[in-house]
């Protein structure tokens, strides 16, 4: 499951909300926002178990939840297409450009968060 938000702060607000639910157990958190992958990929990944009610019993079903901003989602979807859809080897120079693009997406998230804070403070 993927949740896409407008602002980075929303990602951690959603995480806090999910931690409080009694019908969800968080088994693992991988924070690729604070610790991006070498490729530049950013997202928050959760491995969770959620209750599923069957006719005679309740079972806990594992799933992954990815939470990211629109900018992170755009970068990840586009990077995935460039690596896998075209089935070509990505040149080293292009990999470096993708890392730079990830940094620009992060800078955009930071700037939009600042603008939001300025508006909310008024």
C-alpha atoms as a PDB file:
ATOM      1  CA  UNK A   1       0.000   0.000   0.000  1.00  0.00           C
ATOM      2  CA  UNK A   2       1.284   3.468  -0.804  1.00  0.00           C
ATOM      3  CA  UNK A   3       0.204   6.735   0.795  1.00  0.00           C
ATOM      4  CA  UNK A   4       1.220   9.916  -1.010  1.00  0.00           C
ATOM      5  CA  UNK A   5       1.122  13.224   0.872  1.00  0.00           C
ATOM      6  CA  UNK A   6       1.798  16.831  -0.008  1.00  0.00           C
ATOM      7  CA  UNK A   7       4.228  17.543   2.825  1.00  0.00           C
ATOM      8  CA  UNK A   8       7.074  15.635   4.502  1.00  0.00           C
ATOM      9  CA  UNK A   9       5.687  16.425   7.977  1.00  0.00           C
ATOM     10  CA  UNK A  10       2.481  14.611   7.024  1.00  0.00           C
ATOM     11  CA  UNK A  11       4.462  11.393   6.590  1.00  0.00           C
ATOM     12  CA  UNK A  12       5.518  11.377  10.221  1.00  0.00           C
ATOM     13  CA  UNK A  13       2.034  12.474  11.381  1.00  0.00           C
ATOM     14  CA  UNK A  14       0.602   9.431   9.582  1.00  0.00           C
ATOM     15  CA  UNK A  15       3.253   7.242  11.198  1.00  0.00           C
ATOM     16  CA  UNK A  16       2.288   8.578  14.643  1.00  0.00           C
ATOM     17  CA  UNK A  17      -1.378   7.867  13.873  1.00  0.00           C
ATOM     18  CA  UNK A  18      -0.622   4.308  12.741  1.00  0.00           C
ATOM     19  CA  UNK A  19       1.414   3.643  15.893  1.00  0.00           C
ATOM     20  CA  UNK A  20      -1.682   4.376  18.011  1.00  0.00           C
ATOM     21  CA  UNK A  21      -4.012   1.956  16.218  1.00  0.00           C
ATOM     22  CA  UNK A  22      -4.920  -1.270  17.997  1.00  0.00           C
ATOM     23  CA  UNK A  23      -5.784  -3.066  14.767  1.00  0.00           C
ATOM     24  CA  UNK A  24      -2.292  -2.614  13.355  1.00  0.00           C
ATOM     25  CA  UNK A  25       1.065  -3.907  14.538  1.00  0.00           C
ATOM     26  CA  UNK A  26       4.180  -2.220  13.184  1.00  0.00           C
ATOM     27  CA  UNK A  27       6.950  -4.783  12.891  1.00  0.00           C
ATOM     28  CA  UNK A  28       9.589  -2.727  11.078  1.00  0.00           C
ATOM     29  CA  UNK A  29      10.231   0.863  10.026  1.00  0.00           C
ATOM     30  CA  UNK A  30      12.690   1.690   7.230  1.00  0.00           C
ATOM     31  CA  UNK A  31      13.221   5.437   7.055  1.00  0.00           C
ATOM     32  CA  UNK A  32      14.679   6.161   3.644  1.00  0.00           C
ATOM     33  CA  UNK A  33      13.853   9.846   4.140  1.00  0.00           C
ATOM     34  CA  UNK A  34      16.330  10.387   6.960  1.00  0.00           C
ATOM     35  CA  UNK A  35      18.638   7.768   5.439  1.00  0.00           C
ATOM     36  CA  UNK A  36      18.164   7.800   1.626  1.00  0.00           C
ATOM     37  CA  UNK A  37      19.323   4.888  -0.475  1.00  0.00           C
ATOM     38  CA  UNK A  38      22.536   5.496  -2.464  1.00  0.00           C
ATOM     39  CA  UNK A  39      20.380   5.996  -5.582  1.00  0.00           C
ATOM     40  CA  UNK A  40      18.683   8.984  -3.935  1.00  0.00           C
ATOM     41  CA  UNK A  41      15.431   7.108  -3.219  1.00  0.00           C
ATOM     42  CA  UNK A  42      13.409   8.505  -0.305  1.00  0.00           C
ATOM     43  CA  UNK A  43      10.297   7.080   1.318  1.00  0.00           C
ATOM     44  CA  UNK A  44       9.132   5.722   4.655  1.00  0.00           C
ATOM     45  CA  UNK A  45       8.463   1.974   4.562  1.00  0.00           C
ATOM     46  CA  UNK A  46       6.546   0.128   7.235  1.00  0.00           C
ATOM     47  CA  UNK A  47       6.155  -3.610   7.567  1.00  0.00           C
ATOM     48  CA  UNK A  48       2.891  -4.078   9.437  1.00  0.00           C
ATOM     49  CA  UNK A  49       0.355  -6.715  10.317  1.00  0.00           C
ATOM     50  CA  UNK A  50      -3.320  -5.879  10.241  1.00  0.00           C
ATOM     51  CA  UNK A  51      -6.381  -7.724  11.475  1.00  0.00           C
ATOM     52  CA  UNK A  52      -8.513  -9.549   8.947  1.00  0.00           C
ATOM     53  CA  UNK A  53     -11.782 -10.950  10.225  1.00  0.00           C
ATOM     54  CA  UNK A  54     -12.674 -14.336   8.789  1.00  0.00           C
ATOM     55  CA  UNK A  55     -15.896 -16.231   9.444  1.00  0.00           C
ATOM     56  CA  UNK A  56     -14.490 -18.196  12.374  1.00  0.00           C
ATOM     57  CA  UNK A  57     -11.363 -16.345  13.421  1.00  0.00           C
ATOM     58  CA  UNK A  58      -9.207 -13.254  13.170  1.00  0.00           C
ATOM     59  CA  UNK A  59      -5.818 -13.422  11.490  1.00  0.00           C
ATOM     60  CA  UNK A  60      -2.984 -10.912  11.278  1.00  0.00           C
ATOM     61  CA  UNK A  61      -1.965 -10.328   7.666  1.00  0.00           C
ATOM     62  CA  UNK A  62       1.444  -8.820   6.863  1.00  0.00           C
ATOM     63  CA  UNK A  63       1.741  -5.970   4.389  1.00  0.00           C
ATOM     64  CA  UNK A  64       4.025  -3.111   3.475  1.00  0.00           C
ATOM     65  CA  UNK A  65       2.996   0.529   3.652  1.00  0.00           C
ATOM     66  CA  UNK A  66       5.053   3.130   1.811  1.00  0.00           C
ATOM     67  CA  UNK A  67       4.509   6.766   2.754  1.00  0.00           C
ATOM     68  CA  UNK A  68       6.051   9.516   0.646  1.00  0.00           C
ATOM     69  CA  UNK A  69       5.480  12.993  -0.720  1.00  0.00           C
ATOM     70  CA  UNK A  70       4.343  13.814  -4.242  1.00  0.00           C
ATOM     71  CA  UNK A  71       7.904  14.824  -5.139  1.00  0.00           C
ATOM     72  CA  UNK A  72       9.324  11.567  -3.748  1.00  0.00           C
ATOM     73  CA  UNK A  73       6.657   9.579  -5.606  1.00  0.00           C
ATOM     74  CA  UNK A  74       7.344  11.353  -8.900  1.00  0.00           C
ATOM     75  CA  UNK A  75      11.064  10.713  -8.574  1.00  0.00           C
ATOM     76  CA  UNK A  76      10.628   7.050  -7.587  1.00  0.00           C
ATOM     77  CA  UNK A  77       8.142   6.292 -10.379  1.00  0.00           C
ATOM     78  CA  UNK A  78      10.255   7.993 -13.017  1.00  0.00           C
ATOM     79  CA  UNK A  79      13.513   6.440 -11.807  1.00  0.00           C
ATOM     80  CA  UNK A  80      11.848   3.014 -11.869  1.00  0.00           C
ATOM     81  CA  UNK A  81      10.703   3.530 -15.474  1.00  0.00           C
ATOM     82  CA  UNK A  82      14.160   4.658 -16.547  1.00  0.00           C
ATOM     83  CA  UNK A  83      15.788   1.608 -14.961  1.00  0.00           C
ATOM     84  CA  UNK A  84      13.311  -1.125 -15.803  1.00  0.00           C
ATOM     85  CA  UNK A  85      10.827  -0.155 -18.498  1.00  0.00           C
ATOM     86  CA  UNK A  86      13.365   0.616 -21.198  1.00  0.00           C
ATOM     87  CA  UNK A  87      15.521  -2.407 -20.351  1.00  0.00           C
ATOM     88  CA  UNK A  88      18.771  -0.570 -21.013  1.00  0.00           C
ATOM     89  CA  UNK A  89      21.792  -0.221 -18.812  1.00  0.00           C
ATOM     90  CA  UNK A  90      21.674   3.191 -17.189  1.00  0.00           C
ATOM     91  CA  UNK A  91      24.940   5.047 -17.845  1.00  0.00           C
ATOM     92  CA  UNK A  92      26.912   6.171 -14.797  1.00  0.00           C
ATOM     93  CA  UNK A  93      26.430   9.840 -15.753  1.00  0.00           C
ATOM     94  CA  UNK A  94      22.662   9.312 -15.803  1.00  0.00           C
ATOM     95  CA  UNK A  95      22.773   7.659 -12.385  1.00  0.00           C
ATOM     96  CA  UNK A  96      24.556  10.735 -11.047  1.00  0.00           C
ATOM     97  CA  UNK A  97      21.900  12.959 -12.627  1.00  0.00           C
ATOM     98  CA  UNK A  98      19.176  10.873 -10.973  1.00  0.00           C
ATOM     99  CA  UNK A  99      20.863  11.394  -7.601  1.00  0.00           C
ATOM    100  CA  UNK A 100      20.925  15.136  -8.269  1.00  0.00           C
ATOM    101  CA  UNK A 101      17.254  15.029  -9.274  1.00  0.00           C
ATOM    102  CA  UNK A 102      16.463  13.266  -5.985  1.00  0.00           C
ATOM    103  CA  UNK A 103      18.260  16.065  -4.135  1.00  0.00           C
ATOM    104  CA  UNK A 104      16.185  18.636  -6.056  1.00  0.00           C
ATOM    105  CA  UNK A 105      12.977  16.794  -5.141  1.00  0.00           C
ATOM    106  CA  UNK A 106      14.076  16.849  -1.500  1.00  0.00           C
ATOM    107  CA  UNK A 107      14.846  20.569  -1.737  1.00  0.00           C
ATOM    108  CA  UNK A 108      11.372  21.136  -3.194  1.00  0.00           C
ATOM    109  CA  UNK A 109       9.802  19.212  -0.296  1.00  0.00           C
ATOM    110  CA  UNK A 110      11.810  21.337   2.151  1.00  0.00           C
ATOM    111  CA  UNK A 111      10.790  24.583   0.452  1.00  0.00           C
ATOM    112  CA  UNK A 112       7.107  23.649   0.273  1.00  0.00           C
ATOM    113  CA  UNK A 113       7.191  22.695   3.954  1.00  0.00           C
ATOM    114  CA  UNK A 114       8.690  26.084   4.810  1.00  0.00           C
ATOM    115  CA  UNK A 115       6.007  27.880   2.801  1.00  0.00           C
ATOM    116  CA  UNK A 116       3.321  25.869   4.579  1.00  0.00           C
ATOM    117  CA  UNK A 117       4.774  26.801   7.966  1.00  0.00           C
ATOM    118  CA  UNK A 118       4.871  30.489   7.009  1.00  0.00           C
ATOM    119  CA  UNK A 119       1.215  30.362   6.010  1.00  0.00           C
ATOM    120  CA  UNK A 120       0.152  28.473   9.141  1.00  0.00           C
ATOM    121  CA  UNK A 121       2.000  30.913  11.416  1.00  0.00           C
ATOM    122  CA  UNK A 122      -0.096  33.876  10.264  1.00  0.00           C
END
